[in-house]
Amino acid sequence: MPRVKRGTISLKRRRNVLRKVKGYRFGRSKKESAAREAIAHAGSYAFAHRRDKKNDFRRIWQVNIGTALGNYGISYSKFMGQMKKKGIILNRKMMSELAQTHPETFTRIVSSIKN
């Protein structure tokens, strides 16, 4: 049986792994086993933090709406409750955007809630 040299495949695999960890610090950017582990952790963190980012934005929108409502003397929770009761279907992202960029429209929405 002829001898099979697998050096090219191994080098290609190693090169691909090390390309993915370019810019990492210390052994994680130079050693294949450490690099593989770093790639695995990076993937799991990226997945988890994509989810966390959505929560972070929702919190920011809530704070923006609450701040805008402070001028009208109504709390965020009462405002959202009244919106549900009146059947006004606007998500928090849109409400925050309206409060910042179109205050006159936001004022109209708040006045319709108060009445």
PDB file of N, CA and C in Angstrom:
ATOM      1  N   MET A   1       0.850  -1.188   0.000  1.00  0.00           N
ATOM      2  CA  MET A   1       0.000   0.000   0.000  1.00  0.00           C
ATOM      3  C   MET A   1       0.888   1.242   0.000  1.00  0.00           C
ATOM      4  N   PRO A   2       0.563   2.228  -0.839  1.00  0.00           N
ATOM      5  CA  PRO A   2       1.420   3.418  -0.909  1.00  0.00           C
ATOM      6  C   PRO A   2       1.245   4.318   0.319  1.00  0.00           C
ATOM      7  N   ARG A   3       2.287   5.048   0.593  1.00  0.00           N
ATOM      8  CA  ARG A   3       2.279   5.957   1.739  1.00  0.00           C
ATOM      9  C   ARG A   3       1.465   7.207   1.385  1.00  0.00           C
ATOM     10  N   VAL A   4       0.637   7.670   2.336  1.00  0.00           N
ATOM     11  CA  VAL A   4      -0.186   8.867   2.119  1.00  0.00           C
ATOM     12  C   VAL A   4       0.335   9.978   3.020  1.00  0.00           C
ATOM     13  N   LYS A   5       0.734  11.046   2.415  1.00  0.00           N
ATOM     14  CA  LYS A   5       1.205  12.194   3.189  1.00  0.00           C
ATOM     15  C   LYS A   5       0.039  13.176   3.340  1.00  0.00           C
ATOM     16  N   ARG A   6      -0.281  13.530   4.579  1.00  0.00           N
ATOM     17  CA  ARG A   6      -1.461  14.361   4.831  1.00  0.00           C
ATOM     18  C   ARG A   6      -1.096  15.772   5.285  1.00  0.00           C
ATOM     19  N   GLY A   7       0.152  16.150   5.080  1.00  0.00           N
ATOM     20  CA  GLY A   7       0.609  17.445   5.568  1.00  0.00           C
ATOM     21  C   GLY A   7      -0.187  18.613   5.012  1.00  0.00           C
ATOM     22  N   THR A   8      -0.540  18.564   3.742  1.00  0.00           N
ATOM     23  CA  THR A   8      -1.233  19.705   3.136  1.00  0.00           C
ATOM     24  C   THR A   8      -2.614  19.908   3.740  1.00  0.00           C
ATOM     25  N   ILE A   9      -3.313  18.819   4.002  1.00  0.00           N
ATOM     26  CA  ILE A   9      -4.661  18.922   4.572  1.00  0.00           C
ATOM     27  C   ILE A   9      -4.589  19.486   5.989  1.00  0.00           C
ATOM     28  N   SER A  10      -3.641  18.962   6.783  1.00  0.00           N
ATOM     29  CA  SER A  10      -3.496  19.437   8.155  1.00  0.00           C
ATOM     30  C   SER A  10      -3.140  20.913   8.183  1.00  0.00           C
ATOM     31  N   LEU A  11      -2.231  21.315   7.315  1.00  0.00           N
ATOM     32  CA  LEU A  11      -1.831  22.722   7.271  1.00  0.00           C
ATOM     33  C   LEU A  11      -2.985  23.614   6.847  1.00  0.00           C
ATOM     34  N   LYS A  12      -3.774  23.122   5.897  1.00  0.00           N
ATOM     35  CA  LYS A  12      -4.926  23.907   5.441  1.00  0.00           C
ATOM     36  C   LYS A  12      -5.936  24.079   6.575  1.00  0.00           C
ATOM     37  N   ARG A  13      -6.184  22.994   7.304  1.00  0.00           N
ATOM     38  CA  ARG A  13      -7.124  23.053   8.418  1.00  0.00           C
ATOM     39  C   ARG A  13      -6.618  24.028   9.484  1.00  0.00           C
ATOM     40  N   ARG A  14      -5.343  23.928   9.800  1.00  0.00           N
ATOM     41  CA  ARG A  14      -4.736  24.797  10.815  1.00  0.00           C
ATOM     42  C   ARG A  14      -4.788  26.254  10.372  1.00  0.00           C
ATOM     43  N   ARG A  15      -4.476  26.503   9.101  1.00  0.00           N
ATOM     44  CA  ARG A  15      -4.493  27.858   8.567  1.00  0.00           C
ATOM     45  C   ARG A  15      -5.895  28.468   8.673  1.00  0.00           C
ATOM     46  N   ASN A  16      -6.918  27.678   8.364  1.00  0.00           N
ATOM     47  CA  ASN A  16      -8.302  28.170   8.441  1.00  0.00           C
ATOM     48  C   ASN A  16      -8.687  28.510   9.870  1.00  0.00           C
ATOM     49  N   VAL A  17      -8.266  27.668  10.819  1.00  0.00           N
ATOM     50  CA  VAL A  17      -8.580  27.925  12.230  1.00  0.00           C
ATOM     51  C   VAL A  17      -7.891  29.202  12.682  1.00  0.00           C
ATOM     52  N   LEU A  18      -6.612  29.329  12.340  1.00  0.00           N
ATOM     53  CA  LEU A  18      -5.858  30.501  12.791  1.00  0.00           C
ATOM     54  C   LEU A  18      -6.329  31.787  12.108  1.00  0.00           C
ATOM     55  N   ARG A  19      -6.895  31.676  10.922  1.00  0.00           N
ATOM     56  CA  ARG A  19      -7.458  32.858  10.264  1.00  0.00           C
ATOM     57  C   ARG A  19      -8.642  33.411  11.052  1.00  0.00           C
ATOM     58  N   LYS A  20      -9.423  32.507  11.620  1.00  0.00           N
ATOM     59  CA  LYS A  20     -10.619  32.933  12.361  1.00  0.00           C
ATOM     60  C   LYS A  20     -10.268  33.653  13.654  1.00  0.00           C
ATOM     61  N   VAL A  21      -9.089  33.367  14.225  1.00  0.00           N
ATOM     62  CA  VAL A  21      -8.716  33.975  15.508  1.00  0.00           C
ATOM     63  C   VAL A  21      -7.693  35.090  15.336  1.00  0.00           C
ATOM     64  N   LYS A  22      -7.603  35.630  14.151  1.00  0.00           N
ATOM     65  CA  LYS A  22      -6.680  36.728  13.906  1.00  0.00           C
ATOM     66  C   LYS A  22      -7.093  37.910  14.777  1.00  0.00           C
ATOM     67  N   GLY A  23      -6.135  38.460  15.495  1.00  0.00           N
ATOM     68  CA  GLY A  23      -6.427  39.590  16.376  1.00  0.00           C
ATOM     69  C   GLY A  23      -6.641  39.184  17.820  1.00  0.00           C
ATOM     70  N   TYR A  24      -6.781  37.891  18.096  1.00  0.00           N
ATOM     71  CA  TYR A  24      -6.890  37.426  19.478  1.00  0.00           C
ATOM     72  C   TYR A  24      -5.520  37.552  20.133  1.00  0.00           C
ATOM     73  N   ARG A  25      -5.492  37.553  21.448  1.00  0.00           N
ATOM     74  CA  ARG A  25      -4.240  37.778  22.159  1.00  0.00           C
ATOM     75  C   ARG A  25      -3.610  36.469  22.615  1.00  0.00           C
ATOM     76  N   PHE A  26      -2.284  36.511  22.734  1.00  0.00           N
ATOM     77  CA  PHE A  26      -1.463  35.442  23.303  1.00  0.00           C
ATOM     78  C   PHE A  26      -1.585  34.144  22.496  1.00  0.00           C
ATOM     79  N   GLY A  27      -1.638  33.001  23.185  1.00  0.00           N
ATOM     80  CA  GLY A  27      -1.603  31.718  22.497  1.00  0.00           C
ATOM     81  C   GLY A  27      -2.835  31.433  21.678  1.00  0.00           C
ATOM     82  N   ARG A  28      -3.906  32.138  21.976  1.00  0.00           N
ATOM     83  CA  ARG A  28      -5.158  31.874  21.247  1.00  0.00           C
ATOM     84  C   ARG A  28      -5.060  32.255  19.784  1.00  0.00           C
ATOM     85  N   SER A  29      -4.091  33.092  19.434  1.00  0.00           N
ATOM     86  CA  SER A  29      -3.943  33.472  18.028  1.00  0.00           C
ATOM     87  C   SER A  29      -2.854  32.668  17.324  1.00  0.00           C
ATOM     88  N   LYS A  30      -2.105  31.827  18.091  1.00  0.00           N
ATOM     89  CA  LYS A  30      -0.972  31.130  17.492  1.00  0.00           C
ATOM     90  C   LYS A  30      -1.042  29.614  17.618  1.00  0.00           C
ATOM     91  N   LYS A  31      -1.688  29.131  18.668  1.00  0.00           N
ATOM     92  CA  LYS A  31      -1.739  27.684  18.917  1.00  0.00           C
ATOM     93  C   LYS A  31      -3.093  27.137  18.496  1.00  0.00           C
ATOM     94  N   GLU A  32      -3.049  26.063  17.744  1.00  0.00           N
ATOM     95  CA  GLU A  32      -4.270  25.546  17.132  1.00  0.00           C
ATOM     96  C   GLU A  32      -5.305  25.102  18.167  1.00  0.00           C
ATOM     97  N   SER A  33      -4.868  24.386  19.207  1.00  0.00           N
ATOM     98  CA  SER A  33      -5.849  23.877  20.182  1.00  0.00           C
ATOM     99  C   SER A  33      -6.494  25.019  20.956  1.00  0.00           C
ATOM    100  N   ALA A  34      -5.693  26.008  21.357  1.00  0.00           N
ATOM    101  CA  ALA A  34      -6.242  27.167  22.061  1.00  0.00           C
ATOM    102  C   ALA A  34      -7.160  27.964  21.131  1.00  0.00           C
ATOM    103  N   ALA A  35      -6.791  28.018  19.861  1.00  0.00           N
ATOM    104  CA  ALA A  35      -7.595  28.751  18.887  1.00  0.00           C
ATOM    105  C   ALA A  35      -8.953  28.089  18.693  1.00  0.00           C
ATOM    106  N   ARG A  36      -8.966  26.755  18.617  1.00  0.00           N
ATOM    107  CA  ARG A  36     -10.244  26.041  18.474  1.00  0.00           C
ATOM    108  C   ARG A  36     -11.172  26.337  19.647  1.00  0.00           C
ATOM    109  N   GLU A  37     -10.613  26.322  20.845  1.00  0.00           N
ATOM    110  CA  GLU A  37     -11.405  26.602  22.041  1.00  0.00           C
ATOM    111  C   GLU A  37     -11.931  28.036  22.012  1.00  0.00           C
ATOM    112  N   ALA A  38     -11.082  28.968  21.592  1.00  0.00           N
ATOM    113  CA  ALA A  38     -11.488  30.375  21.512  1.00  0.00           C
ATOM    114  C   ALA A  38     -12.624  30.561  20.509  1.00  0.00           C
ATOM    115  N   ILE A  39     -12.558  29.845  19.392  1.00  0.00           N
ATOM    116  CA  ILE A  39     -13.612  29.934  18.375  1.00  0.00           C
ATOM    117  C   ILE A  39     -14.937  29.433  18.943  1.00  0.00           C
ATOM    118  N   ALA A  40     -14.866  28.311  19.674  1.00  0.00           N
ATOM    119  CA  ALA A  40     -16.092  27.740  20.254  1.00  0.00           C
ATOM    120  C   ALA A  40     -16.723  28.703  21.250  1.00  0.00           C
ATOM    121  N   HIS A  41     -15.898  29.284  22.125  1.00  0.00           N
ATOM    122  CA  HIS A  41     -16.435  30.225  23.107  1.00  0.00           C
ATOM    123  C   HIS A  41     -16.983  31.471  22.435  1.00  0.00           C
ATOM    124  N   ALA A  42     -16.253  31.960  21.435  1.00  0.00           N
ATOM    125  CA  ALA A  42     -16.702  33.170  20.737  1.00  0.00           C
ATOM    126  C   ALA A  42     -18.067  32.951  20.102  1.00  0.00           C
ATOM    127  N   GLY A  43     -18.271  31.768  19.529  1.00  0.00           N
ATOM    128  CA  GLY A  43     -19.557  31.467  18.899  1.00  0.00           C
ATOM    129  C   GLY A  43     -20.698  31.447  19.899  1.00  0.00           C
ATOM    130  N   SER A  44     -20.447  30.842  21.063  1.00  0.00           N
ATOM    131  CA  SER A  44     -21.520  30.769  22.060  1.00  0.00           C
ATOM    132  C   SER A  44     -21.818  32.154  22.635  1.00  0.00           C
ATOM    133  N   TYR A  45     -20.780  32.963  22.848  1.00  0.00           N
ATOM    134  CA  TYR A  45     -20.994  34.321  23.356  1.00  0.00           C
ATOM    135  C   TYR A  45     -21.750  35.162  22.332  1.00  0.00           C
ATOM    136  N   ALA A  46     -21.396  35.013  21.072  1.00  0.00           N
ATOM    137  CA  ALA A  46     -22.059  35.792  20.024  1.00  0.00           C
ATOM    138  C   ALA A  46     -23.545  35.461  19.980  1.00  0.00           C
ATOM    139  N   PHE A  47     -23.877  34.183  20.118  1.00  0.00           N
ATOM    140  CA  PHE A  47     -25.286  33.765  20.095  1.00  0.00           C
ATOM    141  C   PHE A  47     -26.031  34.357  21.282  1.00  0.00           C
ATOM    142  N   ALA A  48     -25.448  34.222  22.477  1.00  0.00           N
ATOM    143  CA  ALA A  48     -26.112  34.706  23.692  1.00  0.00           C
ATOM    144  C   ALA A  48     -26.258  36.224  23.665  1.00  0.00           C
ATOM    145  N   HIS A  49     -25.240  36.920  23.208  1.00  0.00           N
ATOM    146  CA  HIS A  49     -25.264  38.369  23.275  1.00  0.00           C
ATOM    147  C   HIS A  49     -26.123  39.003  22.186  1.00  0.00           C
ATOM    148  N   ARG A  50     -26.392  38.266  21.117  1.00  0.00           N
ATOM    149  CA  ARG A  50     -27.379  38.766  20.156  1.00  0.00           C
ATOM    150  C   ARG A  50     -28.742  38.845  20.823  1.00  0.00           C
ATOM    151  N   ARG A  51     -29.030  37.876  21.684  1.00  0.00           N
ATOM    152  CA  ARG A  51     -30.297  37.898  22.428  1.00  0.00           C
ATOM    153  C   ARG A  51     -30.309  39.038  23.452  1.00  0.00           C
ATOM    154  N   ASP A  52     -29.179  39.212  24.147  1.00  0.00           N
ATOM    155  CA  ASP A  52     -29.088  40.248  25.177  1.00  0.00           C
ATOM    156  C   ASP A  52     -29.244  41.645  24.587  1.00  0.00           C
ATOM    157  N   LYS A  53     -28.754  41.827  23.374  1.00  0.00           N
ATOM    158  CA  LYS A  53     -28.803  43.136  22.739  1.00  0.00           C
ATOM    159  C   LYS A  53     -30.250  43.592  22.554  1.00  0.00           C
ATOM    160  N   LYS A  54     -31.135  42.652  22.248  1.00  0.00           N
ATOM    161  CA  LYS A  54     -32.549  42.987  22.081  1.00  0.00           C
ATOM    162  C   LYS A  54     -33.133  43.507  23.400  1.00  0.00           C
ATOM    163  N   ASN A  55     -32.755  42.853  24.514  1.00  0.00           N
ATOM    164  CA  ASN A  55     -33.232  43.308  25.823  1.00  0.00           C
ATOM    165  C   ASN A  55     -32.691  44.694  26.154  1.00  0.00           C
ATOM    166  N   ASP A  56     -31.422  44.932  25.820  1.00  0.00           N
ATOM    167  CA  ASP A  56     -30.808  46.225  26.103  1.00  0.00           C
ATOM    168  C   ASP A  56     -31.540  47.349  25.372  1.00  0.00           C
ATOM    169  N   PHE A  57     -31.860  47.111  24.108  1.00  0.00           N
ATOM    170  CA  PHE A  57     -32.564  48.145  23.341  1.00  0.00           C
ATOM    171  C   PHE A  57     -33.950  48.398  23.914  1.00  0.00           C
ATOM    172  N   ARG A  58     -34.632  47.340  24.328  1.00  0.00           N
ATOM    173  CA  ARG A  58     -35.967  47.515  24.911  1.00  0.00           C
ATOM    174  C   ARG A  58     -35.893  48.387  26.164  1.00  0.00           C
ATOM    175  N   ARG A  59     -34.879  48.167  26.997  1.00  0.00           N
ATOM    176  CA  ARG A  59     -34.711  48.985  28.197  1.00  0.00           C
ATOM    177  C   ARG A  59     -34.461  50.447  27.843  1.00  0.00           C
ATOM    178  N   ILE A  60     -33.648  50.668  26.814  1.00  0.00           N
ATOM    179  CA  ILE A  60     -33.352  52.044  26.391  1.00  0.00           C
ATOM    180  C   ILE A  60     -34.631  52.740  25.929  1.00  0.00           C
ATOM    181  N   TRP A  61     -35.449  52.002  25.154  1.00  0.00           N
ATOM    182  CA  TRP A  61     -36.700  52.595  24.667  1.00  0.00           C
ATOM    183  C   TRP A  61     -37.614  52.940  25.832  1.00  0.00           C
ATOM    184  N   GLN A  62     -37.677  52.077  26.836  1.00  0.00           N
ATOM    185  CA  GLN A  62     -38.543  52.332  27.987  1.00  0.00           C
ATOM    186  C   GLN A  62     -38.090  53.582  28.736  1.00  0.00           C
ATOM    187  N   VAL A  63     -36.784  53.734  28.896  1.00  0.00           N
ATOM    188  CA  VAL A  63     -36.254  54.917  29.581  1.00  0.00           C
ATOM    189  C   VAL A  63     -36.577  56.177  28.779  1.00  0.00           C
ATOM    190  N   ASN A  64     -36.410  56.116  27.459  1.00  0.00           N
ATOM    191  CA  ASN A  64     -36.707  57.281  26.609  1.00  0.00           C
ATOM    192  C   ASN A  64     -38.171  57.687  26.704  1.00  0.00           C
ATOM    193  N   ILE A  65     -39.054  56.697  26.676  1.00  0.00           N
ATOM    194  CA  ILE A  65     -40.495  56.991  26.763  1.00  0.00           C
ATOM    195  C   ILE A  65     -40.817  57.580  28.131  1.00  0.00           C
ATOM    196  N   GLY A  66     -40.264  56.978  29.190  1.00  0.00           N
ATOM    197  CA  GLY A  66     -40.502  57.469  30.553  1.00  0.00           C
ATOM    198  C   GLY A  66     -40.024  58.898  30.731  1.00  0.00           C
ATOM    199  N   THR A  67     -38.874  59.211  30.162  1.00  0.00           N
ATOM    200  CA  THR A  67     -38.339  60.575  30.246  1.00  0.00           C
ATOM    201  C   THR A  67     -39.251  61.558  29.525  1.00  0.00           C
ATOM    202  N   ALA A  68     -39.714  61.185  28.359  1.00  0.00           N
ATOM    203  CA  ALA A  68     -40.609  62.061  27.593  1.00  0.00           C
ATOM    204  C   ALA A  68     -41.935  62.242  28.325  1.00  0.00           C
ATOM    205  N   LEU A  69     -42.409  61.206  28.991  1.00  0.00           N
ATOM    206  CA  LEU A  69     -43.690  61.290  29.698  1.00  0.00           C
ATOM    207  C   LEU A  69     -43.604  62.129  30.965  1.00  0.00           C
ATOM    208  N   GLY A  70     -42.389  62.321  31.477  1.00  0.00           N
ATOM    209  CA  GLY A  70     -42.218  63.143  32.680  1.00  0.00           C
ATOM    210  C   GLY A  70     -42.750  64.553  32.486  1.00  0.00           C
ATOM    211  N   ASN A  71     -42.678  65.057  31.259  1.00  0.00           N
ATOM    212  CA  ASN A  71     -43.179  66.407  30.969  1.00  0.00           C
ATOM    213  C   ASN A  71     -44.700  66.480  31.045  1.00  0.00           C
ATOM    214  N   TYR A  72     -45.372  65.346  30.876  1.00  0.00           N
ATOM    215  CA  TYR A  72     -46.838  65.325  30.845  1.00  0.00           C
ATOM    216  C   TYR A  72     -47.455  64.843  32.157  1.00  0.00           C
ATOM    217  N   GLY A  73     -46.609  64.532  33.130  1.00  0.00           N
ATOM    218  CA  GLY A  73     -47.109  64.128  34.442  1.00  0.00           C
ATOM    219  C   GLY A  73     -47.798  62.779  34.462  1.00  0.00           C
ATOM    220  N   ILE A  74     -47.330  61.847  33.667  1.00  0.00           N
ATOM    221  CA  ILE A  74     -47.906  60.499  33.660  1.00  0.00           C
ATOM    222  C   ILE A  74     -46.743  59.506  33.704  1.00  0.00           C
ATOM    223  N   SER A  75     -46.935  58.428  34.450  1.00  0.00           N
ATOM    224  CA  SER A  75     -45.856  57.440  34.577  1.00  0.00           C
ATOM    225  C   SER A  75     -45.872  56.498  33.374  1.00  0.00           C
ATOM    226  N   TYR A  76     -44.735  55.848  33.177  1.00  0.00           N
ATOM    227  CA  TYR A  76     -44.584  54.922  32.047  1.00  0.00           C
ATOM    228  C   TYR A  76     -45.588  53.776  32.148  1.00  0.00           C
ATOM    229  N   SER A  77     -45.720  53.202  33.343  1.00  0.00           N
ATOM    230  CA  SER A  77     -46.589  52.024  33.490  1.00  0.00           C
ATOM    231  C   SER A  77     -48.055  52.379  33.259  1.00  0.00           C
ATOM    232  N   LYS A  78     -48.480  53.540  33.774  1.00  0.00           N
ATOM    233  CA  LYS A  78     -49.872  53.969  33.560  1.00  0.00           C
ATOM    234  C   LYS A  78     -50.121  54.256  32.076  1.00  0.00           C
ATOM    235  N   PHE A  79     -49.140  54.868  31.437  1.00  0.00           N
ATOM    236  CA  PHE A  79     -49.243  55.189  30.019  1.00  0.00           C
ATOM    237  C   PHE A  79     -49.398  53.921  29.183  1.00  0.00           C
ATOM    238  N   MET A  80     -48.560  52.923  29.432  1.00  0.00           N
ATOM    239  CA  MET A  80     -48.618  51.679  28.657  1.00  0.00           C
ATOM    240  C   MET A  80     -49.928  50.934  28.929  1.00  0.00           C
ATOM    241  N   GLY A  81     -50.393  50.977  30.173  1.00  0.00           N
ATOM    242  CA  GLY A  81     -51.665  50.346  30.505  1.00  0.00           C
ATOM    243  C   GLY A  81     -52.827  50.990  29.776  1.00  0.00           C
ATOM    244  N   GLN A  82     -52.824  52.315  29.749  1.00  0.00           N
ATOM    245  CA  GLN A  82     -53.874  53.052  29.054  1.00  0.00           C
ATOM    246  C   GLN A  82     -53.824  52.797  27.552  1.00  0.00           C
ATOM    247  N   MET A  83     -52.622  52.690  26.990  1.00  0.00           N
ATOM    248  CA  MET A  83     -52.494  52.415  25.558  1.00  0.00           C
ATOM    249  C   MET A  83     -53.135  51.071  25.217  1.00  0.00           C
ATOM    250  N   LYS A  84     -52.900  50.084  26.065  1.00  0.00           N
ATOM    251  CA  LYS A  84     -53.497  48.765  25.827  1.00  0.00           C
ATOM    252  C   LYS A  84     -55.012  48.838  25.917  1.00  0.00           C
ATOM    253  N   LYS A  85     -55.508  49.578  26.927  1.00  0.00           N
ATOM    254  CA  LYS A  85     -56.961  49.707  27.111  1.00  0.00           C
ATOM    255  C   LYS A  85     -57.616  50.394  25.916  1.00  0.00           C
ATOM    256  N   LYS A  86     -56.980  51.447  25.423  1.00  0.00           N
ATOM    257  CA  LYS A  86     -57.540  52.210  24.304  1.00  0.00           C
ATOM    258  C   LYS A  86     -57.338  51.509  22.964  1.00  0.00           C
ATOM    259  N   GLY A  87     -56.499  50.489  22.936  1.00  0.00           N
ATOM    260  CA  GLY A  87     -56.283  49.742  21.701  1.00  0.00           C
ATOM    261  C   GLY A  87     -55.304  50.407  20.739  1.00  0.00           C
ATOM    262  N   ILE A  88     -54.437  51.257  21.279  1.00  0.00           N
ATOM    263  CA  ILE A  88     -53.409  51.886  20.446  1.00  0.00           C
ATOM    264  C   ILE A  88     -52.238  50.917  20.368  1.00  0.00           C
ATOM    265  N   ILE A  89     -51.971  50.428  19.166  1.00  0.00           N
ATOM    266  CA  ILE A  89     -50.936  49.411  19.001  1.00  0.00           C
ATOM    267  C   ILE A  89     -49.702  50.054  18.383  1.00  0.00           C
ATOM    268  N   LEU A  90     -48.832  50.551  19.253  1.00  0.00           N
ATOM    269  CA  LEU A  90     -47.533  51.079  18.839  1.00  0.00           C
ATOM    270  C   LEU A  90     -46.479  50.435  19.729  1.00  0.00           C
ATOM    271  N   ASN A  91     -45.435  49.897  19.127  1.00  0.00           N
ATOM    272  CA  ASN A  91     -44.425  49.258  19.962  1.00  0.00           C
ATOM    273  C   ASN A  91     -43.513  50.301  20.603  1.00  0.00           C
ATOM    274  N   ARG A  92     -42.712  49.849  21.547  1.00  0.00           N
ATOM    275  CA  ARG A  92     -41.878  50.758  22.317  1.00  0.00           C
ATOM    276  C   ARG A  92     -40.834  51.456  21.457  1.00  0.00           C
ATOM    277  N   LYS A  93     -40.338  50.755  20.453  1.00  0.00           N
ATOM    278  CA  LYS A  93     -39.337  51.347  19.555  1.00  0.00           C
ATOM    279  C   LYS A  93     -39.922  52.562  18.842  1.00  0.00           C
ATOM    280  N   MET A  94     -41.151  52.411  18.317  1.00  0.00           N
ATOM    281  CA  MET A  94     -41.796  53.511  17.610  1.00  0.00           C
ATOM    282  C   MET A  94     -42.130  54.659  18.554  1.00  0.00           C
ATOM    283  N   MET A  95     -42.588  54.323  19.759  1.00  0.00           N
ATOM    284  CA  MET A  95     -42.932  55.363  20.731  1.00  0.00           C
ATOM    285  C   MET A  95     -41.701  56.177  21.105  1.00  0.00           C
ATOM    286  N   SER A  96     -40.587  55.483  21.312  1.00  0.00           N
ATOM    287  CA  SER A  96     -39.336  56.168  21.650  1.00  0.00           C
ATOM    288  C   SER A  96     -38.886  57.082  20.510  1.00  0.00           C
ATOM    289  N   GLU A  97     -39.005  56.585  19.300  1.00  0.00           N
ATOM    290  CA  GLU A  97     -38.637  57.370  18.114  1.00  0.00           C
ATOM    291  C   GLU A  97     -39.514  58.613  17.998  1.00  0.00           C
ATOM    292  N   LEU A  98     -40.822  58.436  18.220  1.00  0.00           N
ATOM    293  CA  LEU A  98     -41.741  59.577  18.161  1.00  0.00           C
ATOM    294  C   LEU A  98     -41.412  60.607  19.242  1.00  0.00           C
ATOM    295  N   ALA A  99     -41.110  60.115  20.436  1.00  0.00           N
ATOM    296  CA  ALA A  99     -40.813  61.023  21.550  1.00  0.00           C
ATOM    297  C   ALA A  99     -39.577  61.859  21.261  1.00  0.00           C
ATOM    298  N   GLN A 100     -38.608  61.284  20.566  1.00  0.00           N
ATOM    299  CA  GLN A 100     -37.364  62.012  20.304  1.00  0.00           C
ATOM    300  C   GLN A 100     -37.426  62.882  19.062  1.00  0.00           C
ATOM    301  N   THR A 101     -37.986  62.356  17.973  1.00  0.00           N
ATOM    302  CA  THR A 101     -37.900  63.071  16.695  1.00  0.00           C
ATOM    303  C   THR A 101     -39.170  63.840  16.335  1.00  0.00           C
ATOM    304  N   HIS A 102     -40.328  63.372  16.804  1.00  0.00           N
ATOM    305  CA  HIS A 102     -41.600  64.035  16.481  1.00  0.00           C
ATOM    306  C   HIS A 102     -42.391  64.285  17.766  1.00  0.00           C
ATOM    307  N   PRO A 103     -41.961  65.250  18.575  1.00  0.00           N
ATOM    308  CA  PRO A 103     -42.628  65.478  19.868  1.00  0.00           C
ATOM    309  C   PRO A 103     -44.093  65.896  19.733  1.00  0.00           C
ATOM    310  N   GLU A 104     -44.450  66.577  18.628  1.00  0.00           N
ATOM    311  CA  GLU A 104     -45.851  67.005  18.477  1.00  0.00           C
ATOM    312  C   GLU A 104     -46.775  65.799  18.293  1.00  0.00           C
ATOM    313  N   THR A 105     -46.310  64.798  17.557  1.00  0.00           N
ATOM    314  CA  THR A 105     -47.099  63.568  17.378  1.00  0.00           C
ATOM    315  C   THR A 105     -47.213  62.830  18.711  1.00  0.00           C
ATOM    316  N   PHE A 106     -46.110  62.789  19.430  1.00  0.00           N
ATOM    317  CA  PHE A 106     -46.103  62.131  20.740  1.00  0.00           C
ATOM    318  C   PHE A 106     -47.072  62.833  21.693  1.00  0.00           C
ATOM    319  N   THR A 107     -47.101  64.153  21.618  1.00  0.00           N
ATOM    320  CA  THR A 107     -48.018  64.935  22.463  1.00  0.00           C
ATOM    321  C   THR A 107     -49.467  64.577  22.161  1.00  0.00           C
ATOM    322  N   ARG A 108     -49.788  64.413  20.864  1.00  0.00           N
ATOM    323  CA  ARG A 108     -51.141  64.030  20.483  1.00  0.00           C
ATOM    324  C   ARG A 108     -51.526  62.669  21.028  1.00  0.00           C
ATOM    325  N   ILE A 109     -50.581  61.739  20.973  1.00  0.00           N
ATOM    326  CA  ILE A 109     -50.848  60.380  21.499  1.00  0.00           C
ATOM    327  C   ILE A 109     -51.092  60.444  23.007  1.00  0.00           C
ATOM    328  N   VAL A 110     -50.244  61.215  23.721  1.00  0.00           N
ATOM    329  CA  VAL A 110     -50.398  61.331  25.172  1.00  0.00           C
ATOM    330  C   VAL A 110     -51.732  61.990  25.529  1.00  0.00           C
ATOM    331  N   SER A 111     -52.117  63.026  24.781  1.00  0.00           N
ATOM    332  CA  SER A 111     -53.387  63.698  25.071  1.00  0.00           C
ATOM    333  C   SER A 111     -54.575  62.784  24.802  1.00  0.00           C
ATOM    334  N   SER A 112     -54.484  61.933  23.773  1.00  0.00           N
ATOM    335  CA  SER A 112     -55.588  60.991  23.525  1.00  0.00           C
ATOM    336  C   SER A 112     -55.666  59.922  24.628  1.00  0.00           C
ATOM    337  N   ILE A 113     -54.550  59.589  25.207  1.00  0.00           N
ATOM    338  CA  ILE A 113     -54.522  58.627  26.323  1.00  0.00           C
ATOM    339  C   ILE A 113     -55.117  59.252  27.576  1.00  0.00           C
ATOM    340  N   LYS A 114     -54.745  60.500  27.858  1.00  0.00           N
ATOM    341  CA  LYS A 114     -55.202  61.172  29.077  1.00  0.00           C
ATOM    342  C   LYS A 114     -56.713  61.393  29.093  1.00  0.00           C
ATOM    343  N   ASN A 115     -57.309  61.644  27.943  1.00  0.00           N
ATOM    344  CA  ASN A 115     -58.752  61.943  27.880  1.00  0.00           C
ATOM    345  C   ASN A 115     -59.598  60.709  27.963  1.00  0.00           C
TER     346      ASN A 115
END
